[in-house]
Structure formats: structure tokens, C-alpha cells
Amino acid sequence: MYKKDAVEKTKNTNYNKEKGVRMRVFIILASALTVVSVIFKWRYRIVNTLLAISFLRKIAIMITMNMPEIRNKVVPNLFGRPS
């Protein structure tokens, strides 16, 4: 009788561990989804706040000007003659 109770407790323990893992995964996914949605909702506010810091703004400009596609589109418009 004692062994049977021990086996039942082991089965319940494994079930509870699986249930706990599922709950943890659900909480992590729900938290990640919440963070992504908040960032998406406030994306322009976040970018404006970050670019208000001159050091970060200079780094962002340096990085984007090293990309040929962006540089080829932006530079002619900045220094070209108006048509």
C-alpha cells in the first residue's frame, strides 16, 4: 500500500512539474508579447527620446551614412540643386 502511494505522488509530481513549465512558458510569451506591443505603440516616442541625446544621434547618423543605399538616396537631396 505504501509503494502505491509513493508511485501516485511521483506521478502527480511529474504532472505538476509539466504544468509549472507550461505556465512559465506562457508567462514568458505573454510578457514578451506585451513588451513588443508597447514598443510598437510608442516606437516614435522612443526613437525621438533616444535621438534627443546628441551622442546617440551622431552614432545613428554615422551608421546610416555607412549604408550605401541610404547614402545614395539622402546625399543628392541634401546637396543637390532644387529643380
PDB file of N, CA and C in Angstrom:
ATOM      1  N   MET A   1       0.829  -1.190   0.000  1.00  0.00           N
ATOM      2  CA  MET A   1       0.000   0.000   0.000  1.00  0.00           C
ATOM      3  C   MET A   1       0.874   1.254   0.000  1.00  0.00           C
ATOM      4  N   TYR A   2       1.981   1.226   0.714  1.00  0.00           N
ATOM      5  CA  TYR A   2       2.851   2.395   0.818  1.00  0.00           C
ATOM      6  C   TYR A   2       3.511   2.696  -0.523  1.00  0.00           C
ATOM      7  N   LYS A   3       3.939   1.645  -1.247  1.00  0.00           N
ATOM      8  CA  LYS A   3       4.580   1.841  -2.546  1.00  0.00           C
ATOM      9  C   LYS A   3       3.596   2.455  -3.541  1.00  0.00           C
ATOM     10  N   LYS A   4       2.366   2.025  -3.480  1.00  0.00           N
ATOM     11  CA  LYS A   4       1.354   2.550  -4.388  1.00  0.00           C
ATOM     12  C   LYS A   4       1.163   4.051  -4.167  1.00  0.00           C
ATOM     13  N   ASP A   5       1.133   4.486  -2.908  1.00  0.00           N
ATOM     14  CA  ASP A   5       1.003   5.908  -2.606  1.00  0.00           C
ATOM     15  C   ASP A   5       2.218   6.677  -3.102  1.00  0.00           C
ATOM     16  N   ALA A   6       3.397   6.081  -2.982  1.00  0.00           N
ATOM     17  CA  ALA A   6       4.621   6.741  -3.446  1.00  0.00           C
ATOM     18  C   ALA A   6       4.598   6.901  -4.961  1.00  0.00           C
ATOM     19  N   VAL A   7       4.111   5.893  -5.664  1.00  0.00           N
ATOM     20  CA  VAL A   7       4.014   5.969  -7.123  1.00  0.00           C
ATOM     21  C   VAL A   7       3.021   7.047  -7.524  1.00  0.00           C
ATOM     22  N   GLU A   8       1.908   7.125  -6.849  1.00  0.00           N
ATOM     23  CA  GLU A   8       0.910   8.156  -7.146  1.00  0.00           C
ATOM     24  C   GLU A   8       1.478   9.556  -6.910  1.00  0.00           C
ATOM     25  N   LYS A   9       2.231   9.729  -5.834  1.00  0.00           N
ATOM     26  CA  LYS A   9       2.831  11.035  -5.557  1.00  0.00           C
ATOM     27  C   LYS A   9       3.841  11.393  -6.634  1.00  0.00           C
ATOM     28  N   THR A  10       4.603  10.402  -7.105  1.00  0.00           N
ATOM     29  CA  THR A  10       5.578  10.652  -8.164  1.00  0.00           C
ATOM     30  C   THR A  10       4.869  11.074  -9.445  1.00  0.00           C
ATOM     31  N   LYS A  11       3.791  10.399  -9.777  1.00  0.00           N
ATOM     32  CA  LYS A  11       3.034  10.759 -10.977  1.00  0.00           C
ATOM     33  C   LYS A  11       2.488  12.174 -10.858  1.00  0.00           C
ATOM     34  N   ASN A  12       1.942  12.518  -9.721  1.00  0.00           N
ATOM     35  CA  ASN A  12       1.419  13.868  -9.510  1.00  0.00           C
ATOM     36  C   ASN A  12       2.532  14.905  -9.562  1.00  0.00           C
ATOM     37  N   THR A  13       3.700  14.571  -9.024  1.00  0.00           N
ATOM     38  CA  THR A  13       4.830  15.496  -9.034  1.00  0.00           C
ATOM     39  C   THR A  13       5.262  15.774 -10.465  1.00  0.00           C
ATOM     40  N   ASN A  14       5.350  14.736 -11.294  1.00  0.00           N
ATOM     41  CA  ASN A  14       5.719  14.934 -12.694  1.00  0.00           C
ATOM     42  C   ASN A  14       4.678  15.785 -13.413  1.00  0.00           C
ATOM     43  N   TYR A  15       3.415  15.542 -13.126  1.00  0.00           N
ATOM     44  CA  TYR A  15       2.354  16.338 -13.739  1.00  0.00           C
ATOM     45  C   TYR A  15       2.471  17.799 -13.310  1.00  0.00           C
ATOM     46  N   ASN A  16       2.736  18.016 -12.020  1.00  0.00           N
ATOM     47  CA  ASN A  16       2.862  19.384 -11.529  1.00  0.00           C
ATOM     48  C   ASN A  16       4.076  20.079 -12.131  1.00  0.00           C
ATOM     49  N   LYS A  17       5.173  19.330 -12.353  1.00  0.00           N
ATOM     50  CA  LYS A  17       6.358  19.926 -12.989  1.00  0.00           C
ATOM     51  C   LYS A  17       6.041  20.336 -14.421  1.00  0.00           C
ATOM     52  N   GLU A  18       5.359  19.463 -15.155  1.00  0.00           N
ATOM     53  CA  GLU A  18       4.984  19.797 -16.528  1.00  0.00           C
ATOM     54  C   GLU A  18       4.043  20.996 -16.553  1.00  0.00           C
ATOM     55  N   LYS A  19       3.125  21.031 -15.616  1.00  0.00           N
ATOM     56  CA  LYS A  19       2.181  22.142 -15.531  1.00  0.00           C
ATOM     57  C   LYS A  19       2.917  23.441 -15.218  1.00  0.00           C
ATOM     58  N   GLY A  20       3.918  23.359 -14.329  1.00  0.00           N
ATOM     59  CA  GLY A  20       4.707  24.541 -13.989  1.00  0.00           C
ATOM     60  C   GLY A  20       5.526  25.044 -15.165  1.00  0.00           C
ATOM     61  N   VAL A  21       6.079  24.121 -15.937  1.00  0.00           N
ATOM     62  CA  VAL A  21       6.865  24.510 -17.118  1.00  0.00           C
ATOM     63  C   VAL A  21       5.968  25.182 -18.139  1.00  0.00           C
ATOM     64  N   ARG A  22       4.784  24.618 -18.350  1.00  0.00           N
ATOM     65  CA  ARG A  22       3.849  25.232 -19.289  1.00  0.00           C
ATOM     66  C   ARG A  22       3.442  26.629 -18.841  1.00  0.00           C
ATOM     67  N   MET A  23       3.204  26.779 -17.566  1.00  0.00           N
ATOM     68  CA  MET A  23       2.817  28.095 -17.042  1.00  0.00           C
ATOM     69  C   MET A  23       3.964  29.091 -17.206  1.00  0.00           C
ATOM     70  N   ARG A  24       5.187  28.651 -16.951  1.00  0.00           N
ATOM     71  CA  ARG A  24       6.351  29.530 -17.094  1.00  0.00           C
ATOM     72  C   ARG A  24       6.512  29.964 -18.547  1.00  0.00           C
ATOM     73  N   VAL A  25       6.373  29.033 -19.483  1.00  0.00           N
ATOM     74  CA  VAL A  25       6.479  29.371 -20.909  1.00  0.00           C
ATOM     75  C   VAL A  25       5.371  30.344 -21.300  1.00  0.00           C
ATOM     76  N   PHE A  26       4.161  30.108 -20.823  1.00  0.00           N
ATOM     77  CA  PHE A  26       3.052  31.011 -21.119  1.00  0.00           C
ATOM     78  C   PHE A  26       3.322  32.420 -20.586  1.00  0.00           C
ATOM     79  N   ILE A  27       3.836  32.522 -19.367  1.00  0.00           N
ATOM     80  CA  ILE A  27       4.124  33.837 -18.777  1.00  0.00           C
ATOM     81  C   ILE A  27       5.222  34.543 -19.557  1.00  0.00           C
ATOM     82  N   ILE A  28       6.258  33.807 -19.963  1.00  0.00           N
ATOM     83  CA  ILE A  28       7.347  34.414 -20.732  1.00  0.00           C
ATOM     84  C   ILE A  28       6.837  34.910 -22.079  1.00  0.00           C
ATOM     85  N   LEU A  29       6.035  34.096 -22.765  1.00  0.00           N
ATOM     86  CA  LEU A  29       5.498  34.511 -24.067  1.00  0.00           C
ATOM     87  C   LEU A  29       4.544  35.702 -23.930  1.00  0.00           C
ATOM     88  N   ALA A  30       3.714  35.688 -22.910  1.00  0.00           N
ATOM     89  CA  ALA A  30       2.793  36.806 -22.695  1.00  0.00           C
ATOM     90  C   ALA A  30       3.559  38.088 -22.369  1.00  0.00           C
ATOM     91  N   SER A  31       4.600  37.972 -21.569  1.00  0.00           N
ATOM     92  CA  SER A  31       5.418  39.146 -21.237  1.00  0.00           C
ATOM     93  C   SER A  31       6.130  39.681 -22.469  1.00  0.00           C
ATOM     94  N   ALA A  32       6.690  38.791 -23.277  1.00  0.00           N
ATOM     95  CA  ALA A  32       7.383  39.221 -24.494  1.00  0.00           C
ATOM     96  C   ALA A  32       6.417  39.904 -25.456  1.00  0.00           C
ATOM     97  N   LEU A  33       5.225  39.359 -25.601  1.00  0.00           N
ATOM     98  CA  LEU A  33       4.220  39.963 -26.472  1.00  0.00           C
ATOM     99  C   LEU A  33       3.812  41.349 -25.969  1.00  0.00           C
ATOM    100  N   THR A  34       3.692  41.486 -24.664  1.00  0.00           N
ATOM    101  CA  THR A  34       3.345  42.781 -24.075  1.00  0.00           C
ATOM    102  C   THR A  34       4.437  43.807 -24.334  1.00  0.00           C
ATOM    103  N   VAL A  35       5.700  43.402 -24.141  1.00  0.00           N
ATOM    104  CA  VAL A  35       6.821  44.319 -24.359  1.00  0.00           C
ATOM    105  C   VAL A  35       6.880  44.742 -25.828  1.00  0.00           C
ATOM    106  N   VAL A  36       6.720  43.797 -26.734  1.00  0.00           N
ATOM    107  CA  VAL A  36       6.765  44.112 -28.161  1.00  0.00           C
ATOM    108  C   VAL A  36       5.623  45.055 -28.541  1.00  0.00           C
ATOM    109  N   SER A  37       4.439  44.830 -28.009  1.00  0.00           N
ATOM    110  CA  SER A  37       3.318  45.702 -28.357  1.00  0.00           C
ATOM    111  C   SER A  37       3.493  47.110 -27.797  1.00  0.00           C
ATOM    112  N   VAL A  38       4.057  47.237 -26.606  1.00  0.00           N
ATOM    113  CA  VAL A  38       4.306  48.567 -26.035  1.00  0.00           C
ATOM    114  C   VAL A  38       5.369  49.299 -26.839  1.00  0.00           C
ATOM    115  N   ILE A  39       6.440  48.587 -27.223  1.00  0.00           N
ATOM    116  CA  ILE A  39       7.483  49.213 -28.037  1.00  0.00           C
ATOM    117  C   ILE A  39       6.905  49.646 -29.382  1.00  0.00           C
ATOM    118  N   PHE A  40       6.065  48.801 -29.980  1.00  0.00           N
ATOM    119  CA  PHE A  40       5.459  49.160 -31.266  1.00  0.00           C
ATOM    120  C   PHE A  40       4.541  50.361 -31.126  1.00  0.00           C
ATOM    121  N   LYS A  41       3.784  50.416 -30.044  1.00  0.00           N
ATOM    122  CA  LYS A  41       2.852  51.524 -29.839  1.00  0.00           C
ATOM    123  C   LYS A  41       3.597  52.842 -29.642  1.00  0.00           C
ATOM    124  N   TRP A  42       4.691  52.816 -28.895  1.00  0.00           N
ATOM    125  CA  TRP A  42       5.434  54.032 -28.577  1.00  0.00           C
ATOM    126  C   TRP A  42       6.736  54.146 -29.359  1.00  0.00           C
ATOM    127  N   ARG A  43       6.818  53.536 -30.539  1.00  0.00           N
ATOM    128  CA  ARG A  43       8.085  53.484 -31.270  1.00  0.00           C
ATOM    129  C   ARG A  43       8.614  54.863 -31.626  1.00  0.00           C
ATOM    130  N   TYR A  44       7.766  55.777 -32.049  1.00  0.00           N
ATOM    131  CA  TYR A  44       8.245  57.102 -32.432  1.00  0.00           C
ATOM    132  C   TYR A  44       8.678  57.905 -31.211  1.00  0.00           C
ATOM    133  N   ARG A  45       7.962  57.768 -30.122  1.00  0.00           N
ATOM    134  CA  ARG A  45       8.338  58.453 -28.893  1.00  0.00           C
ATOM    135  C   ARG A  45       9.689  57.939 -28.390  1.00  0.00           C
ATOM    136  N   ILE A  46       9.896  56.637 -28.490  1.00  0.00           N
ATOM    137  CA  ILE A  46      11.170  56.045 -28.051  1.00  0.00           C
ATOM    138  C   ILE A  46      12.310  56.521 -28.942  1.00  0.00           C
ATOM    139  N   VAL A  47      12.108  56.501 -30.258  1.00  0.00           N
ATOM    140  CA  VAL A  47      13.157  56.945 -31.180  1.00  0.00           C
ATOM    141  C   VAL A  47      13.460  58.426 -30.973  1.00  0.00           C
ATOM    142  N   ASN A  48      12.451  59.266 -30.811  1.00  0.00           N
ATOM    143  CA  ASN A  48      12.688  60.691 -30.581  1.00  0.00           C
ATOM    144  C   ASN A  48      13.431  60.932 -29.277  1.00  0.00           C
ATOM    145  N   THR A  49      13.107  60.174 -28.251  1.00  0.00           N
ATOM    146  CA  THR A  49      13.799  60.315 -26.972  1.00  0.00           C
ATOM    147  C   THR A  49      15.255  59.919 -27.099  1.00  0.00           C
ATOM    148  N   LEU A  50      15.526  58.817 -27.802  1.00  0.00           N
ATOM    149  CA  LEU A  50      16.908  58.379 -27.974  1.00  0.00           C
ATOM    150  C   LEU A  50      17.699  59.344 -28.848  1.00  0.00           C
ATOM    151  N   LEU A  51      17.068  59.859 -29.911  1.00  0.00           N
ATOM    152  CA  LEU A  51      17.784  60.771 -30.796  1.00  0.00           C
ATOM    153  C   LEU A  51      17.932  62.172 -30.214  1.00  0.00           C
ATOM    154  N   ALA A  52      17.274  62.463 -29.127  1.00  0.00           N
ATOM    155  CA  ALA A  52      17.461  63.749 -28.450  1.00  0.00           C
ATOM    156  C   ALA A  52      18.828  63.804 -27.768  1.00  0.00           C
ATOM    157  N   ILE A  53      19.431  62.664 -27.534  1.00  0.00           N
ATOM    158  CA  ILE A  53      20.772  62.602 -26.944  1.00  0.00           C
ATOM    159  C   ILE A  53      21.764  62.734 -28.088  1.00  0.00           C
ATOM    160  N   SER A  54      22.583  63.797 -28.052  1.00  0.00           N
ATOM    161  CA  SER A  54      23.439  64.125 -29.193  1.00  0.00           C
ATOM    162  C   SER A  54      24.423  63.011 -29.526  1.00  0.00           C
ATOM    163  N   PHE A  55      24.976  62.354 -28.528  1.00  0.00           N
ATOM    164  CA  PHE A  55      25.934  61.277 -28.770  1.00  0.00           C
ATOM    165  C   PHE A  55      25.272  60.135 -29.547  1.00  0.00           C
ATOM    166  N   LEU A  56      24.079  59.749 -29.147  1.00  0.00           N
ATOM    167  CA  LEU A  56      23.370  58.675 -29.841  1.00  0.00           C
ATOM    168  C   LEU A  56      22.940  59.103 -31.240  1.00  0.00           C
ATOM    169  N   ARG A  57      22.569  60.378 -31.396  1.00  0.00           N
ATOM    170  CA  ARG A  57      22.191  60.886 -32.706  1.00  0.00           C
ATOM    171  C   ARG A  57      23.376  60.838 -33.673  1.00  0.00           C
ATOM    172  N   LYS A  58      24.567  61.224 -33.195  1.00  0.00           N
ATOM    173  CA  LYS A  58      25.758  61.180 -34.050  1.00  0.00           C
ATOM    174  C   LYS A  58      26.103  59.754 -34.451  1.00  0.00           C
ATOM    175  N   ILE A  59      25.982  58.824 -33.523  1.00  0.00           N
ATOM    176  CA  ILE A  59      26.259  57.421 -33.840  1.00  0.00           C
ATOM    177  C   ILE A  59      25.253  56.904 -34.868  1.00  0.00           C
ATOM    178  N   ALA A  60      23.982  57.254 -34.698  1.00  0.00           N
ATOM    179  CA  ALA A  60      22.951  56.806 -35.634  1.00  0.00           C
ATOM    180  C   ALA A  60      23.216  57.345 -37.036  1.00  0.00           C
ATOM    181  N   ILE A  61      23.630  58.603 -37.135  1.00  0.00           N
ATOM    182  CA  ILE A  61      23.924  59.197 -38.442  1.00  0.00           C
ATOM    183  C   ILE A  61      25.139  58.535 -39.067  1.00  0.00           C
ATOM    184  N   MET A  62      26.177  58.283 -38.262  1.00  0.00           N
ATOM    185  CA  MET A  62      27.368  57.619 -38.793  1.00  0.00           C
ATOM    186  C   MET A  62      27.029  56.227 -39.325  1.00  0.00           C
ATOM    187  N   ILE A  63      26.215  55.492 -38.597  1.00  0.00           N
ATOM    188  CA  ILE A  63      25.855  54.138 -39.025  1.00  0.00           C
ATOM    189  C   ILE A  63      25.028  54.181 -40.307  1.00  0.00           C
ATOM    190  N   THR A  64      24.048  55.083 -40.377  1.00  0.00           N
ATOM    191  CA  THR A  64      23.203  55.130 -41.569  1.00  0.00           C
ATOM    192  C   THR A  64      23.954  55.657 -42.782  1.00  0.00           C
ATOM    193  N   MET A  65      24.898  56.552 -42.591  1.00  0.00           N
ATOM    194  CA  MET A  65      25.660  57.065 -43.727  1.00  0.00           C
ATOM    195  C   MET A  65      26.680  56.050 -44.238  1.00  0.00           C
ATOM    196  N   ASN A  66      26.958  55.008 -43.478  1.00  0.00           N
ATOM    197  CA  ASN A  66      27.826  53.932 -43.962  1.00  0.00           C
ATOM    198  C   ASN A  66      27.057  52.911 -44.795  1.00  0.00           C
ATOM    199  N   MET A  67      25.736  53.060 -44.878  1.00  0.00           N
ATOM    200  CA  MET A  67      24.914  52.164 -45.697  1.00  0.00           C
ATOM    201  C   MET A  67      24.752  52.806 -47.072  1.00  0.00           C
ATOM    202  N   PRO A  68      25.287  52.174 -48.124  1.00  0.00           N
ATOM    203  CA  PRO A  68      25.275  52.807 -49.460  1.00  0.00           C
ATOM    204  C   PRO A  68      23.876  53.139 -49.974  1.00  0.00           C
ATOM    205  N   GLU A  69      22.889  52.284 -49.705  1.00  0.00           N
ATOM    206  CA  GLU A  69      21.543  52.534 -50.217  1.00  0.00           C
ATOM    207  C   GLU A  69      20.969  53.830 -49.658  1.00  0.00           C
ATOM    208  N   ILE A  70      21.139  54.029 -48.378  1.00  0.00           N
ATOM    209  CA  ILE A  70      20.609  55.235 -47.737  1.00  0.00           C
ATOM    210  C   ILE A  70      21.415  56.457 -48.166  1.00  0.00           C
ATOM    211  N   ARG A  71      22.734  56.318 -48.178  1.00  0.00           N
ATOM    212  CA  ARG A  71      23.596  57.449 -48.549  1.00  0.00           C
ATOM    213  C   ARG A  71      23.299  57.916 -49.971  1.00  0.00           C
ATOM    214  N   ASN A  72      23.098  56.974 -50.895  1.00  0.00           N
ATOM    215  CA  ASN A  72      22.838  57.348 -52.290  1.00  0.00           C
ATOM    216  C   ASN A  72      21.494  58.053 -52.455  1.00  0.00           C
ATOM    217  N   LYS A  73      20.548  57.789 -51.581  1.00  0.00           N
ATOM    218  CA  LYS A  73      19.246  58.461 -51.667  1.00  0.00           C
ATOM    219  C   LYS A  73      19.233  59.804 -50.950  1.00  0.00           C
ATOM    220  N   VAL A  74      19.956  59.913 -49.831  1.00  0.00           N
ATOM    221  CA  VAL A  74      19.884  61.114 -48.995  1.00  0.00           C
ATOM    222  C   VAL A  74      20.821  62.207 -49.465  1.00  0.00           C
ATOM    223  N   VAL A  75      22.055  61.881 -49.763  1.00  0.00           N
ATOM    224  CA  VAL A  75      23.080  62.896 -50.069  1.00  0.00           C
ATOM    225  C   VAL A  75      22.705  63.738 -51.283  1.00  0.00           C
ATOM    226  N   PRO A  76      22.265  63.172 -52.398  1.00  0.00           N
ATOM    227  CA  PRO A  76      21.882  64.038 -53.522  1.00  0.00           C
ATOM    228  C   PRO A  76      20.761  65.023 -53.181  1.00  0.00           C
ATOM    229  N   ASN A  77      19.819  64.605 -52.335  1.00  0.00           N
ATOM    230  CA  ASN A  77      18.728  65.505 -51.962  1.00  0.00           C
ATOM    231  C   ASN A  77      19.219  66.613 -51.052  1.00  0.00           C
ATOM    232  N   LEU A  78      20.221  66.344 -50.228  1.00  0.00           N
ATOM    233  CA  LEU A  78      20.740  67.363 -49.321  1.00  0.00           C
ATOM    234  C   LEU A  78      21.558  68.415 -50.050  1.00  0.00           C
ATOM    235  N   PHE A  79      22.405  67.981 -50.984  1.00  0.00           N
ATOM    236  CA  PHE A  79      23.339  68.897 -51.620  1.00  0.00           C
ATOM    237  C   PHE A  79      23.026  69.180 -53.074  1.00  0.00           C
ATOM    238  N   GLY A  80      21.940  68.630 -53.577  1.00  0.00           N
ATOM    239  CA  GLY A  80      21.578  68.860 -54.982  1.00  0.00           C
ATOM    240  C   GLY A  80      20.895  70.205 -55.142  1.00  0.00           C
ATOM    241  N   ARG A  81      20.866  70.652 -56.361  1.00  0.00           N
ATOM    242  CA  ARG A  81      20.190  71.905 -56.669  1.00  0.00           C
ATOM    243  C   ARG A  81      18.690  71.660 -56.777  1.00  0.00           C
ATOM    244  N   PRO A  82      17.904  72.585 -56.300  1.00  0.00           N
ATOM    245  CA  PRO A  82      16.453  72.398 -56.439  1.00  0.00           C
ATOM    246  C   PRO A  82      16.056  72.486 -57.904  1.00  0.00           C
ATOM    247  N   SER A  83      15.126  71.648 -58.292  1.00  0.00           N
ATOM    248  CA  SER A  83      14.732  71.632 -59.699  1.00  0.00           C
ATOM    249  C   SER A  83      13.631  72.619 -59.998  1.00  0.00           C
TER     250      SER A  83
END
